[in-house]
Amino acid sequence: MKIAFYNIENLFFRHRDLLEKPKSHNLSSWREELDTLLNTRSGRRYERIRELVYLLGFEHKDPFRYGYLNRKGMVMAMKPQHYEISTRAGNLSDWQGWIEIENRPLSATSIHHKAQVLVETNADVLVLQEVEGKSAVKIFHENYISKYPIEPYQELVFSPGNDDRNLGQALLTRKGVKPDSVGILNQERDSSGELLFDKDVAAFRITGKSQSFWILSAEFSNEGLAKEELEQKRFRQSQAVARAYQKLRATGNEHILVMGTFFAVSYCYSLSPLLKDTDLRSITRHSQFQGPRDLGRGGDYYSLGAYGRGLNMKEEVYVLTSPELFSKIERCGIDRRGIWPVKENQWKILTTLKQKEDQASHFPVLWVKVDI
């Protein structure tokens, strides 16, 4: 059975706060242009001012949304600027008003690259992080994955998580592999009463053709706090996932996978409750771990915090297994061909990937084939 994990960074739309803002040598010229436009009169200057305000990051951050763009049916919900009783524009006001779109559409090429990466991974059990919703996953499967000559997925489980920016996670399984139960673990609170996981953590019990196994899938914090505070929060999140793992072990479960986006390298203090205080083992340390190496000199180099020799990319996503499952690994690996490299010709990429905006995700796929 082949099991894969992928932080796909949304399927069709991505919240604007999560998109990389352009920062380059153009920054100073944008500021100069904005100063000039603010002191001139021009019929089209307002449109350009709005573009520059977005590029420079000067937008007003309002916690209340003015508009949602829903993938299914493209439904838009609106709220006026001054919070009047009226909730949407209408013909009584001649449809006057404005809305702010929270989500930005991903390029068609990027969506196709996401599908291509998953199809070539060809996993029997697939965990996707940062997806918009169950309906979006269904549409993605029907309109993209199903177009390829591979066995389709039959079961779909979705966990919405705590982040309201469309960052849920989904579990997909093929015929003969059935999710038995789902445990939503993201409601745990810290000492201050706030939710410990601002994104998601869930437990899936899956029955294969011969045996059952568990998957704990989590996404740790990576924003909104100072560096030291983030590390402390990730430490507490690691402790919570470790407790969930140990609880499964204490009740007689031997086949367990812990996977997710942890946003820290393996030697980081914040991950020590998982990587040092439990018997979990990373698939990157298995003798059968494989993946196309960096091109050129990087192919023989092993940088600190990377996935392995010749895989010189900062380790942020993980697939960990219990010792019993680790001993049953036949093959495991990494696929980063859907990622636009930092340096030119750093590693092999998809032949149709020509620019960063069209990458599938900036995270790699991790997969493991086990004899269960």
Protein backbone atom coordinates (compact mmCIF):
# COMPACT_ATOMS: atom_id res chain seq x y z
CA MET A 1 0.00 0.00 0.00
CA LYS A 2 1.29 3.42 -0.95
CA ILE A 3 0.55 6.36 1.37
CA ALA A 4 1.34 9.96 0.45
CA PHE A 5 1.23 13.35 2.14
CA TYR A 6 1.05 16.67 0.31
CA ASN A 7 0.53 20.23 1.48
CA ILE A 8 -0.99 21.31 -1.82
CA GLU A 9 -1.51 24.98 -0.89
CA ASN A 10 -5.11 25.08 -2.13
CA LEU A 11 -6.65 23.68 -5.30
CA PHE A 12 -8.34 26.58 -7.10
CA PHE A 13 -8.24 29.72 -4.93
CA ARG A 14 -5.86 30.97 -2.25
CA HIS A 15 -6.45 33.62 0.40
CA ARG A 16 -4.63 36.82 -0.43
CA ASP A 17 -2.84 36.88 2.96
CA LEU A 18 -1.14 33.60 2.03
CA LEU A 19 0.11 34.72 -1.35
CA GLU A 20 3.69 35.81 -1.62
CA LYS A 21 3.87 39.57 -1.93
CA PRO A 22 6.35 40.77 -4.55
CA LYS A 23 9.41 42.29 -2.91
CA SER A 24 12.17 43.30 -5.28
CA HIS A 25 14.19 46.14 -6.68
CA ASN A 26 10.87 47.52 -7.96
CA LEU A 27 9.87 48.48 -4.41
CA SER A 28 11.49 51.92 -4.51
CA SER A 29 10.11 52.69 -7.96
CA TRP A 30 6.60 51.70 -6.82
CA ARG A 31 6.87 54.12 -3.89
CA GLU A 32 8.06 56.92 -6.14
CA GLU A 33 5.24 56.24 -8.58
CA LEU A 34 2.67 56.27 -5.78
CA ASP A 35 3.97 59.61 -4.47
CA THR A 36 3.71 61.06 -7.95
CA LEU A 37 0.18 59.81 -8.54
CA LEU A 38 -1.04 61.15 -5.21
CA ASN A 39 -0.02 64.64 -6.32
CA THR A 40 -1.38 64.56 -9.85
CA ARG A 41 -4.78 64.59 -11.51
CA SER A 42 -5.44 61.80 -13.97
CA GLY A 43 -8.52 59.91 -15.06
CA ARG A 44 -6.92 56.47 -14.57
CA ARG A 45 -4.68 57.23 -11.61
CA TYR A 46 -7.07 55.67 -9.06
CA GLU A 47 -6.82 52.25 -10.69
CA ARG A 48 -3.02 52.38 -10.62
CA ILE A 49 -3.02 53.67 -7.03
CA ARG A 50 -5.06 50.64 -5.96
CA GLU A 51 -2.55 48.33 -7.67
CA LEU A 52 0.41 50.05 -6.00
CA VAL A 53 -1.27 50.00 -2.58
CA TYR A 54 -1.67 46.23 -2.91
CA LEU A 55 1.90 45.68 -4.15
CA LEU A 56 3.35 47.76 -1.32
CA GLY A 57 1.22 46.05 1.32
CA PHE A 58 -0.50 49.22 2.55
CA GLU A 59 -3.96 47.69 2.52
CA HIS A 60 -6.23 48.20 5.51
CA LYS A 61 -6.62 44.95 7.42
CA ASP A 62 -10.23 44.55 8.50
CA PRO A 63 -11.06 41.34 10.41
CA PHE A 64 -14.57 41.37 8.89
CA ARG A 65 -14.79 40.10 5.35
CA TYR A 66 -16.48 42.16 2.70
CA GLY A 67 -16.89 39.31 0.26
CA TYR A 68 -16.37 35.58 -0.17
CA LEU A 69 -15.81 33.91 -3.52
CA ASN A 70 -17.02 30.34 -3.27
CA ARG A 71 -15.59 27.81 -5.73
CA LYS A 72 -18.86 25.92 -6.15
CA GLY A 73 -21.22 28.05 -8.15
CA MET A 74 -19.00 31.11 -7.64
CA VAL A 75 -21.39 32.33 -4.92
CA MET A 76 -20.46 35.69 -3.46
CA ALA A 77 -21.61 36.91 -0.04
CA MET A 78 -21.32 40.62 0.63
CA LYS A 79 -21.33 43.03 3.56
CA PRO A 80 -21.31 46.83 3.24
CA GLN A 81 -18.51 49.04 4.47
CA HIS A 82 -20.32 50.59 7.44
CA TYR A 83 -22.11 47.47 8.64
CA GLU A 84 -25.69 48.61 7.90
CA ILE A 85 -28.57 46.22 8.43
CA SER A 86 -28.70 45.54 4.68
CA THR A 87 -26.43 42.59 3.85
CA ARG A 88 -26.16 42.84 0.08
CA ALA A 89 -26.40 45.26 -2.79
CA GLY A 90 -29.84 45.55 -4.37
CA ASN A 91 -31.84 47.41 -6.97
CA LEU A 92 -33.17 49.86 -4.34
CA SER A 93 -29.67 51.29 -4.10
CA ASP A 94 -29.06 50.93 -7.86
CA TRP A 95 -26.54 48.17 -6.98
CA GLN A 96 -24.06 50.74 -5.74
CA GLY A 97 -21.41 49.69 -3.28
CA TRP A 98 -18.15 47.82 -3.13
CA ILE A 99 -16.81 44.48 -2.04
CA GLU A 100 -13.40 43.08 -1.24
CA ILE A 101 -12.50 39.66 -2.60
CA GLU A 102 -10.56 37.60 -0.08
CA ASN A 103 -9.41 34.83 -2.42
CA ARG A 104 -7.26 34.97 -5.53
CA PRO A 105 -7.59 32.35 -8.31
CA LEU A 106 -4.60 30.12 -8.95
CA SER A 107 -3.32 29.82 -12.50
CA ALA A 108 -4.74 27.04 -14.67
CA THR A 109 -1.20 25.75 -15.22
CA SER A 110 -0.60 25.53 -11.46
CA ILE A 111 -3.82 23.52 -11.01
CA HIS A 112 -2.76 21.10 -13.74
CA HIS A 113 0.67 20.73 -12.11
CA LYS A 114 -0.99 19.84 -8.79
CA ALA A 115 -2.95 17.10 -10.54
CA GLN A 116 0.12 15.85 -12.41
CA VAL A 117 2.16 15.55 -9.23
CA LEU A 118 -0.58 13.55 -7.50
CA VAL A 119 -1.22 11.32 -10.50
CA GLU A 120 2.46 10.44 -10.81
CA THR A 121 2.62 9.76 -7.08
CA ASN A 122 -0.30 7.34 -7.57
CA ALA A 123 -0.94 6.70 -3.87
CA ASP A 124 -3.63 4.40 -2.48
CA VAL A 125 -4.07 6.68 0.54
CA LEU A 126 -3.63 10.41 0.07
CA VAL A 127 -3.60 13.15 2.71
CA LEU A 128 -3.92 16.71 1.38
CA GLN A 129 -3.41 19.79 3.52
CA GLU A 130 -4.63 23.32 2.83
CA VAL A 131 -7.64 22.56 0.63
CA GLU A 132 -10.70 24.79 0.26
CA GLY A 133 -13.39 22.30 1.14
CA LYS A 134 -14.95 18.93 0.39
CA SER A 135 -16.74 20.17 -2.72
CA ALA A 136 -13.49 21.64 -4.09
CA VAL A 137 -11.72 18.29 -3.61
CA LYS A 138 -14.57 16.50 -5.40
CA ILE A 139 -14.41 18.93 -8.34
CA PHE A 140 -10.62 18.61 -8.48
CA HIS A 141 -10.88 14.82 -8.52
CA GLU A 142 -13.62 14.71 -11.14
CA ASN A 143 -12.21 17.36 -13.49
CA TYR A 144 -8.49 16.72 -13.16
CA ILE A 145 -7.41 13.49 -11.44
CA SER A 146 -10.05 11.37 -13.19
CA LYS A 147 -8.84 12.51 -16.61
CA TYR A 148 -5.70 10.41 -16.15
CA PRO A 149 -5.62 6.61 -16.62
CA ILE A 150 -5.21 5.76 -12.95
CA GLU A 151 -7.49 4.11 -10.42
CA PRO A 152 -9.86 6.75 -8.99
CA TYR A 153 -10.38 7.51 -5.32
CA GLN A 154 -13.64 6.28 -3.80
CA GLU A 155 -13.66 7.64 -0.25
CA LEU A 156 -13.22 11.26 0.80
CA VAL A 157 -13.06 12.65 4.33
CA PHE A 158 -12.65 16.37 5.01
CA SER A 159 -11.56 18.18 8.18
CA PRO A 160 -12.25 21.94 8.05
CA GLY A 161 -9.76 22.96 10.72
CA ASN A 162 -9.70 26.20 12.72
CA ASP A 163 -8.36 28.57 10.06
CA ASP A 164 -11.13 30.32 8.11
CA ARG A 165 -8.89 30.97 5.09
CA ASN A 166 -9.73 27.68 3.36
CA LEU A 167 -6.97 25.62 4.96
CA GLY A 168 -8.69 22.33 5.72
CA GLN A 169 -7.32 18.88 5.02
CA ALA A 170 -8.68 15.91 3.13
CA LEU A 171 -8.15 12.15 3.17
CA LEU A 172 -8.74 10.19 -0.05
CA THR A 173 -8.63 6.41 -0.33
CA ARG A 174 -9.13 3.90 -3.12
CA LYS A 175 -11.32 0.82 -3.36
CA GLY A 176 -10.53 -1.70 -0.66
CA VAL A 177 -9.11 0.96 1.69
CA LYS A 178 -11.78 2.46 3.92
CA PRO A 179 -11.68 5.21 6.58
CA ASP A 180 -13.31 3.74 9.69
CA SER A 181 -13.29 6.76 11.97
CA VAL A 182 -12.14 10.35 12.15
CA GLY A 183 -11.00 12.11 15.29
CA ILE A 184 -10.98 15.90 15.26
CA LEU A 185 -8.27 16.95 17.71
CA ASN A 186 -8.08 20.65 16.91
CA GLN A 187 -10.24 21.86 19.79
CA GLU A 188 -7.55 21.54 22.46
CA ARG A 189 -6.83 24.83 24.21
CA ASP A 190 -3.70 26.20 25.81
CA SER A 191 -3.36 27.75 29.27
CA SER A 192 -4.72 31.10 28.03
CA GLY A 193 -7.91 29.48 26.78
CA GLU A 194 -7.07 29.99 23.10
CA LEU A 195 -7.12 27.17 20.59
CA LEU A 196 -3.75 25.46 20.53
CA PHE A 197 -3.96 24.63 16.83
CA ASP A 198 -4.80 27.66 14.72
CA LYS A 199 -4.89 25.39 11.65
CA ASP A 200 -5.69 21.69 12.04
CA VAL A 201 -4.87 18.31 13.49
CA ALA A 202 -6.94 15.18 12.88
CA ALA A 203 -6.77 11.42 13.39
CA PHE A 204 -7.90 8.92 10.76
CA ARG A 205 -8.35 5.20 11.34
CA ILE A 206 -8.09 3.31 8.06
CA THR A 207 -8.72 -0.34 7.28
CA GLY A 208 -6.77 -1.80 4.41
CA LYS A 209 -7.10 -5.15 2.70
CA SER A 210 -5.50 -6.97 5.61
CA GLN A 211 -4.82 -4.62 8.54
CA SER A 212 -5.89 -1.33 10.08
CA PHE A 213 -3.65 1.64 10.78
CA TRP A 214 -3.86 5.21 12.08
CA ILE A 215 -2.82 8.53 10.54
CA LEU A 216 -2.30 11.64 12.66
CA SER A 217 -2.08 14.67 10.38
CA ALA A 218 -1.26 18.15 11.69
CA GLU A 219 -0.25 21.59 10.53
CA PHE A 220 1.66 23.70 13.04
CA SER A 221 1.76 27.48 13.39
CA ASN A 222 4.03 29.58 11.19
CA GLU A 223 2.71 33.14 11.40
CA GLY A 224 1.25 35.82 13.62
CA LEU A 225 3.84 35.64 16.40
CA ALA A 226 7.46 36.53 17.02
CA LYS A 227 10.02 33.82 16.24
CA GLU A 228 10.53 32.68 19.84
CA GLU A 229 6.79 32.67 20.53
CA LEU A 230 6.21 30.60 17.39
CA GLU A 231 8.79 28.05 18.50
CA GLN A 232 7.16 27.80 21.91
CA LYS A 233 3.74 27.30 20.34
CA ARG A 234 5.06 24.64 17.96
CA PHE A 235 6.63 22.94 20.98
CA ARG A 236 3.22 22.77 22.69
CA GLN A 237 1.63 21.55 19.45
CA SER A 238 4.30 18.83 19.19
CA GLN A 239 3.51 17.80 22.74
CA ALA A 240 -0.19 17.51 21.92
CA VAL A 241 0.44 15.34 18.84
CA ALA A 242 2.92 13.22 20.82
CA ARG A 243 0.26 12.66 23.50
CA ALA A 244 -2.24 11.57 20.86
CA TYR A 245 0.35 9.17 19.44
CA GLN A 246 1.24 7.73 22.83
CA LYS A 247 -2.45 7.27 23.62
CA LEU A 248 -2.88 5.20 20.46
CA ARG A 249 0.19 3.16 21.38
CA ALA A 250 -1.12 2.57 24.91
CA THR A 251 -4.35 1.11 23.52
CA GLY A 252 -2.50 -1.51 21.49
CA ASN A 253 -2.15 0.21 18.10
CA GLU A 254 1.13 -0.64 16.38
CA HIS A 255 0.71 0.76 12.87
CA ILE A 256 0.68 4.56 13.13
CA LEU A 257 1.82 7.36 10.85
CA VAL A 258 2.28 10.96 12.01
CA MET A 259 2.54 13.44 9.16
CA GLY A 260 2.19 17.10 8.54
CA THR A 261 3.65 20.53 7.92
CA PHE A 262 5.68 21.39 11.01
CA PHE A 263 7.62 24.44 9.69
CA ALA A 264 10.84 23.50 11.49
CA VAL A 265 13.91 21.38 10.82
CA SER A 266 14.33 18.08 12.60
CA TYR A 267 16.94 19.27 15.10
CA CYS A 268 14.76 22.20 16.22
CA TYR A 269 13.79 22.30 19.89
CA SER A 270 10.14 22.81 18.99
CA LEU A 271 9.87 19.33 17.44
CA SER A 272 11.70 17.47 20.20
CA PRO A 273 8.50 16.11 21.84
CA LEU A 274 7.82 14.22 18.60
CA LEU A 275 11.27 13.42 17.27
CA LYS A 276 13.18 12.82 20.52
CA ASP A 277 10.65 11.94 23.21
CA THR A 278 8.78 9.25 21.24
CA ASP A 279 9.83 6.18 19.24
CA LEU A 280 8.60 7.71 15.97
CA ARG A 281 11.00 7.45 13.04
CA SER A 282 11.18 9.63 9.96
CA ILE A 283 10.96 7.97 6.55
CA THR A 284 13.84 10.21 5.44
CA ARG A 285 16.09 8.08 7.67
CA HIS A 286 15.06 4.82 6.01
CA SER A 287 17.60 3.04 3.81
CA GLN A 288 15.08 2.91 0.94
CA PHE A 289 14.32 6.64 0.99
CA GLN A 290 14.73 7.97 -2.54
CA GLY A 291 14.26 11.05 -4.68
CA PRO A 292 15.96 12.79 -7.62
CA ARG A 293 18.98 14.62 -6.26
CA ASP A 294 20.07 18.17 -6.89
CA LEU A 295 21.76 18.76 -10.21
CA GLY A 296 25.45 19.56 -10.40
CA ARG A 297 27.62 19.75 -7.27
CA GLY A 298 24.61 19.78 -4.98
CA GLY A 299 23.97 16.12 -5.73
CA ASP A 300 26.71 15.04 -3.30
CA TYR A 301 26.13 17.71 -0.67
CA TYR A 302 24.18 17.27 2.56
CA SER A 303 23.15 20.60 4.03
CA LEU A 304 22.10 20.84 7.67
CA GLY A 305 18.32 20.57 8.05
CA ALA A 306 17.75 19.11 4.57
CA TYR A 307 15.77 15.98 3.61
CA GLY A 308 18.92 14.05 2.75
CA ARG A 309 22.12 13.99 0.74
CA GLY A 310 21.54 15.74 -2.54
CA LEU A 311 18.07 16.82 -1.38
CA ASN A 312 19.17 20.22 -0.16
CA MET A 313 15.85 21.75 0.66
CA LYS A 314 14.79 22.90 4.13
CA GLU A 315 12.85 20.18 5.90
CA GLU A 316 9.37 21.41 6.80
CA VAL A 317 7.00 18.51 6.03
CA TYR A 318 7.30 15.11 7.65
CA VAL A 319 6.07 11.54 7.53
CA LEU A 320 6.91 9.67 10.73
CA THR A 321 6.04 6.07 11.53
CA SER A 322 5.89 3.79 14.52
CA PRO A 323 8.76 1.26 14.77
CA GLU A 324 6.49 -1.62 13.72
CA LEU A 325 5.43 0.21 10.58
CA PHE A 326 8.97 1.41 9.89
CA SER A 327 10.10 -2.22 9.70
CA LYS A 328 7.46 -2.88 7.02
CA ILE A 329 8.52 -0.07 4.68
CA GLU A 330 9.37 -1.38 1.22
CA ARG A 331 10.15 1.97 -0.41
CA CYS A 332 9.71 5.64 0.43
CA GLY A 333 10.64 8.93 -1.10
CA ILE A 334 10.15 12.57 -1.99
CA ASP A 335 8.90 14.29 -5.13
CA ARG A 336 9.67 18.00 -5.54
CA ARG A 337 9.35 18.32 -9.32
CA GLY A 338 6.33 20.59 -8.86
CA ILE A 339 8.40 23.17 -6.96
CA TRP A 340 10.07 26.12 -8.67
CA PRO A 341 13.71 25.96 -7.46
CA VAL A 342 15.43 28.86 -5.74
CA LYS A 343 18.42 28.55 -8.05
CA GLU A 344 18.36 27.85 -11.76
CA ASN A 345 18.74 24.14 -12.58
CA GLN A 346 18.85 23.28 -8.86
CA TRP A 347 16.79 20.13 -9.36
CA LYS A 348 14.69 18.46 -12.03
CA ILE A 349 11.23 19.99 -12.44
CA LEU A 350 8.12 19.30 -14.52
CA THR A 351 8.76 20.05 -18.18
CA THR A 352 5.79 22.44 -18.34
CA LEU A 353 6.84 24.41 -15.24
CA LYS A 354 8.27 27.66 -16.63
CA GLN A 355 7.71 30.20 -13.84
CA LYS A 356 7.24 30.31 -10.08
CA GLU A 357 3.58 31.38 -10.31
CA ASP A 358 2.77 28.04 -11.97
CA GLN A 359 4.37 25.75 -9.40
CA ALA A 360 2.12 23.12 -7.86
CA SER A 361 3.12 24.02 -4.30
CA HIS A 362 6.29 25.10 -2.60
CA PHE A 363 6.16 21.88 -0.53
CA PRO A 364 7.23 18.44 -1.78
CA VAL A 365 5.22 15.22 -1.76
CA LEU A 366 6.36 12.60 0.75
CA TRP A 367 5.30 9.00 0.17
CA VAL A 368 5.85 5.58 1.69
CA LYS A 369 5.01 2.08 0.47
CA VAL A 370 4.37 -0.36 3.30
CA ASP A 371 3.54 -4.04 3.48
CA ILE A 372 0.20 -3.91 5.31
